[in-house]
Protein backbone atom coordinates (compact mmCIF):
# COMPACT_ATOMS: atom_id res chain seq x y z
CA VAL A 1 177.46 269.24 88.77
CA ILE A 2 177.62 267.54 92.16
CA LYS A 3 174.17 267.20 93.69
CA MET A 4 174.03 266.79 97.44
CA THR A 5 171.45 264.64 99.14
CA ARG A 6 169.18 266.39 101.65
CA GLU A 7 170.98 264.48 104.45
CA GLU A 8 174.41 265.74 103.37
CA MET A 9 173.00 269.24 103.06
CA ASN A 10 171.52 269.06 106.57
CA SER A 11 174.71 267.73 108.14
CA LYS A 12 176.71 270.57 106.53
CA LYS A 13 174.12 273.06 107.79
CA GLU A 14 174.41 271.71 111.34
CA MET A 15 178.22 271.97 111.17
CA ILE A 16 178.05 275.65 110.12
CA LEU A 17 175.39 276.45 112.75
CA LYS A 18 177.53 274.81 115.45
CA PHE A 19 180.54 276.86 114.32
CA VAL A 20 178.63 280.17 114.26
CA SER A 21 177.04 279.45 117.67
CA SER A 22 180.37 278.66 119.35
CA LYS A 23 181.74 281.10 121.93
CA GLU A 24 184.94 281.66 119.93
CA TYR A 25 183.05 282.77 116.78
CA LYS A 26 183.51 286.37 115.65
CA PRO A 27 181.24 287.70 112.84
CA MET A 28 182.93 287.15 109.48
CA SER A 29 182.15 287.18 105.77
CA ALA A 30 181.33 284.00 103.82
CA LYS A 31 184.80 284.15 102.24
CA GLU A 32 186.53 284.41 105.62
CA MET A 33 184.42 281.56 106.96
CA GLY A 34 185.45 279.36 104.04
CA VAL A 35 189.11 280.01 104.91
CA VAL A 36 188.66 279.34 108.66
CA LEU A 37 186.71 276.13 107.99
CA GLN A 38 189.34 275.12 105.40
CA VAL A 39 186.77 274.51 102.66
CA PRO A 40 188.64 273.01 99.64
CA ALA A 41 188.39 275.00 96.41
CA LYS A 42 186.27 272.29 94.75
CA ASP A 43 183.65 272.56 97.56
CA LYS A 44 183.40 276.36 97.63
CA LYS A 45 180.24 276.38 95.50
CA ILE A 46 178.52 273.80 97.72
CA PHE A 47 179.61 275.72 100.83
CA ARG A 48 178.00 278.91 99.48
CA GLU A 49 174.82 277.00 98.63
CA VAL A 50 174.55 275.62 102.18
CA LEU A 51 175.22 279.07 103.65
CA ASN A 52 172.60 280.68 101.40
CA GLU A 53 170.01 278.12 102.48
CA LEU A 54 170.73 278.90 106.14
CA LEU A 55 170.32 282.62 105.46
CA GLY A 56 167.17 281.96 103.41
CA ASP A 57 165.70 279.79 106.18
CA ALA A 58 166.46 282.64 108.59
CA ARG A 59 168.67 280.42 110.72
CA LEU A 60 171.58 282.81 110.27
CA HIS A 61 171.65 286.56 109.72
CA MET A 62 173.88 288.61 107.41
CA ASP A 63 174.40 292.22 108.46
CA LEU A 64 174.76 295.15 106.07
CA LYS A 65 178.56 294.71 105.98
CA GLY A 66 178.17 291.09 104.79
CA LYS A 67 179.22 289.60 108.14
CA ILE A 68 177.41 286.42 109.13
CA LYS A 69 175.96 286.37 112.64
CA PRO A 70 173.95 283.90 114.69
CA LEU A 71 170.33 284.91 115.11
CA SER A 72 170.07 287.10 118.15
CA GLU A 73 167.45 286.31 120.77
CA ASN A 74 165.47 289.37 119.76
CA MET A 75 164.95 288.06 116.21
CA VAL A 76 161.83 285.99 115.57
CA THR A 77 159.89 284.64 112.60
CA GLY A 78 156.12 284.78 112.20
CA LYS A 79 153.10 285.58 110.04
CA PHE A 80 152.50 289.24 109.15
CA MET A 81 148.95 290.54 109.55
CA ALA A 82 148.31 293.89 107.90
CA THR A 83 145.76 296.53 108.89
CA GLN A 84 143.99 299.10 106.71
CA ARG A 85 145.89 301.85 108.49
CA GLY A 86 149.32 300.67 107.32
CA PHE A 87 150.77 299.21 110.49
CA GLY A 88 150.64 295.50 111.23
CA PHE A 89 151.15 292.68 113.69
CA VAL A 90 153.23 289.53 113.59
CA ARG A 91 151.86 286.30 115.00
CA VAL A 92 154.58 283.96 116.27
CA GLU A 93 153.68 280.29 116.60
CA GLY A 94 153.32 279.22 120.22
CA GLU A 95 153.19 282.81 121.55
CA ALA A 96 149.99 284.26 122.93
CA GLU A 97 150.69 287.89 122.13
CA ASP A 98 151.14 289.38 118.65
CA ILE A 99 154.01 291.80 118.02
CA PHE A 100 153.14 295.31 116.85
CA ILE A 101 154.91 296.55 113.67
CA PRO A 102 154.75 300.35 113.11
CA MET A 103 153.92 301.57 109.61
CA HIS A 104 157.50 302.71 108.86
CA HIS A 105 158.91 299.31 109.90
CA THR A 106 156.89 296.90 107.72
CA LYS A 107 159.49 296.81 104.88
CA GLY A 108 156.66 296.44 102.36
CA ALA A 109 155.36 293.21 103.95
CA LEU A 110 151.83 292.28 102.87
CA ASP A 111 149.06 290.47 104.72
CA GLY A 112 149.89 286.77 105.07
CA ASP A 113 153.65 287.05 104.42
CA THR A 114 156.08 285.08 106.57
CA VAL A 115 158.57 287.58 107.97
CA GLN A 116 161.65 287.75 110.15
CA ILE A 117 161.49 290.58 112.67
CA MET A 118 163.80 292.23 115.15
CA LEU A 119 162.14 293.00 118.48
CA ASP A 120 162.55 296.55 119.73
CA LYS A 121 164.02 296.31 123.21
CA ASN A 122 163.44 300.02 123.83
CA ALA A 123 159.69 300.03 123.03
CA ARG A 124 157.89 302.00 125.74
CA GLY A 125 154.35 300.57 125.58
CA LYS A 126 153.00 297.38 127.13
CA LYS A 127 152.83 295.67 123.73
CA ARG A 128 155.99 294.25 122.18
CA GLU A 129 157.13 296.10 119.06
CA GLY A 130 159.31 294.98 116.19
CA GLU A 131 160.70 295.79 112.78
CA VAL A 132 160.54 293.58 109.69
CA ILE A 133 164.09 292.61 108.67
CA ASN A 134 163.36 290.05 105.95
CA ILE A 135 160.33 288.82 104.01
CA LEU A 136 160.92 285.05 103.92
CA GLU A 137 157.85 283.88 102.05
CA ARG A 138 155.03 285.72 100.36
CA GLY A 139 151.39 284.98 101.18
CA SER A 140 148.94 284.37 98.35
CA ALA A 141 149.88 285.64 94.89
CA ILE A 142 146.22 285.66 93.81
CA VAL A 143 144.17 288.74 94.68
CA VAL A 144 140.54 289.59 93.87
CA GLY A 145 139.67 293.24 93.38
CA THR A 146 138.18 296.03 91.30
CA TYR A 147 139.91 297.26 88.16
CA SER A 148 140.35 300.95 87.34
CA SER A 149 141.91 302.19 84.16
CA SER A 150 143.98 305.29 83.45
CA ARG A 151 145.41 306.42 80.12
CA SER A 152 148.53 304.23 79.92
CA PHE A 153 147.98 301.55 82.57
CA GLY A 154 145.46 300.21 85.05
CA PHE A 155 145.39 299.29 88.70
CA VAL A 156 143.43 296.97 90.95
CA THR A 157 142.16 297.76 94.43
CA ALA A 158 141.95 294.56 96.43
CA ASP A 159 138.67 293.46 98.04
CA ASN A 160 140.71 292.47 101.09
CA HIS A 161 141.12 295.85 102.78
CA LYS A 162 144.19 294.58 104.59
CA PHE A 163 145.92 294.53 101.21
CA THR A 164 146.58 298.26 101.32
CA LYS A 165 148.52 298.77 98.08
CA ASP A 166 146.94 299.16 94.66
CA ILE A 167 148.29 296.64 92.15
CA TYR A 168 149.74 298.12 88.98
CA ILE A 169 148.59 296.46 85.73
CA ALA A 170 150.45 297.16 82.49
CA LYS A 171 148.19 297.97 79.51
CA ALA A 172 149.25 294.69 77.81
CA ASP A 173 148.09 292.68 80.83
CA THR A 174 144.56 294.05 81.30
CA LYS A 175 142.82 291.23 79.37
CA GLY A 176 140.33 293.85 78.16
CA ALA A 177 139.16 294.81 81.68
CA ILE A 178 137.49 298.20 82.01
CA THR A 179 136.92 300.44 85.03
CA GLY A 180 134.58 298.82 87.54
CA HIS A 181 135.20 295.21 86.48
CA LYS A 182 135.73 292.67 89.23
CA VAL A 183 138.98 290.85 88.41
CA VAL A 184 141.37 288.20 89.67
CA VAL A 185 145.05 289.16 89.44
CA GLU A 186 148.22 287.19 89.90
CA ILE A 187 151.03 289.20 91.47
CA VAL A 188 154.24 288.71 89.50
CA ASP A 189 156.29 291.37 91.29
CA TYR A 190 155.56 292.39 94.88
CA GLY A 191 157.23 295.78 94.56
CA ASN A 192 158.73 297.31 97.68
CA GLU A 193 158.10 300.09 100.19
CA SER A 194 158.10 302.74 97.48
CA ARG A 195 156.87 300.77 94.45
CA ASN A 196 153.45 299.17 94.00
CA PRO A 197 153.04 295.43 93.36
C-alpha cells in the first residue's frame, strides 16, 4: 500500500481544485475526470482517495447524478443550532447574521453539528434561508437525559431541549436503567430524518 504524505495529498488536492475551478471545466463523474486528467491505472486508488477527501471537506460537491461540481457561491458551511420547535439556524464563521433553516430542510441535523447548506436565493423574508445539504461533522456524541422504558426497548429524552429527538435504546443496552432514571448515553447511530438516533 502506497501511503501519501500530507504534503503530497495537499498538492494533489490543489491540482484537482484548480482543474474543477477552471472556466473550461464541465461537470463530470470521478471516472471521467480520471480519464481527462490522464491518471495512470496504478494511481486510480490514490486519485479516488484525494477526491473523496475534497468531497468530505466540502471543498467540492457531487450532485445526485454523480457529477463533480465546484462549490457554488450559495453553498456555505457552518454550525447548526437547533430549536425546540424543529427548525434551526446555521452560524457561519465571520458572518454577523445566522441563516434560518426550515424544519423540512434540516436533513436530520442535530444541535452542534457542522453542516454544509445551500442558500435559498428565492427566500422572501428579510432573513437568509437555507437547506442542509450535508452533515460534515456531528456535535457531541454524549447526551444526558431521562430514561423511559417500554416493553421491548427504552428511550432517552435529552435534558438539552434543543436535542428534539428521543434516543432509542435497545433492551440489551439499558444497563439496568428504569423509567425516571437520569442517564448518560453515547450515540452510536445518529439515525436520519425518519429514524431516531
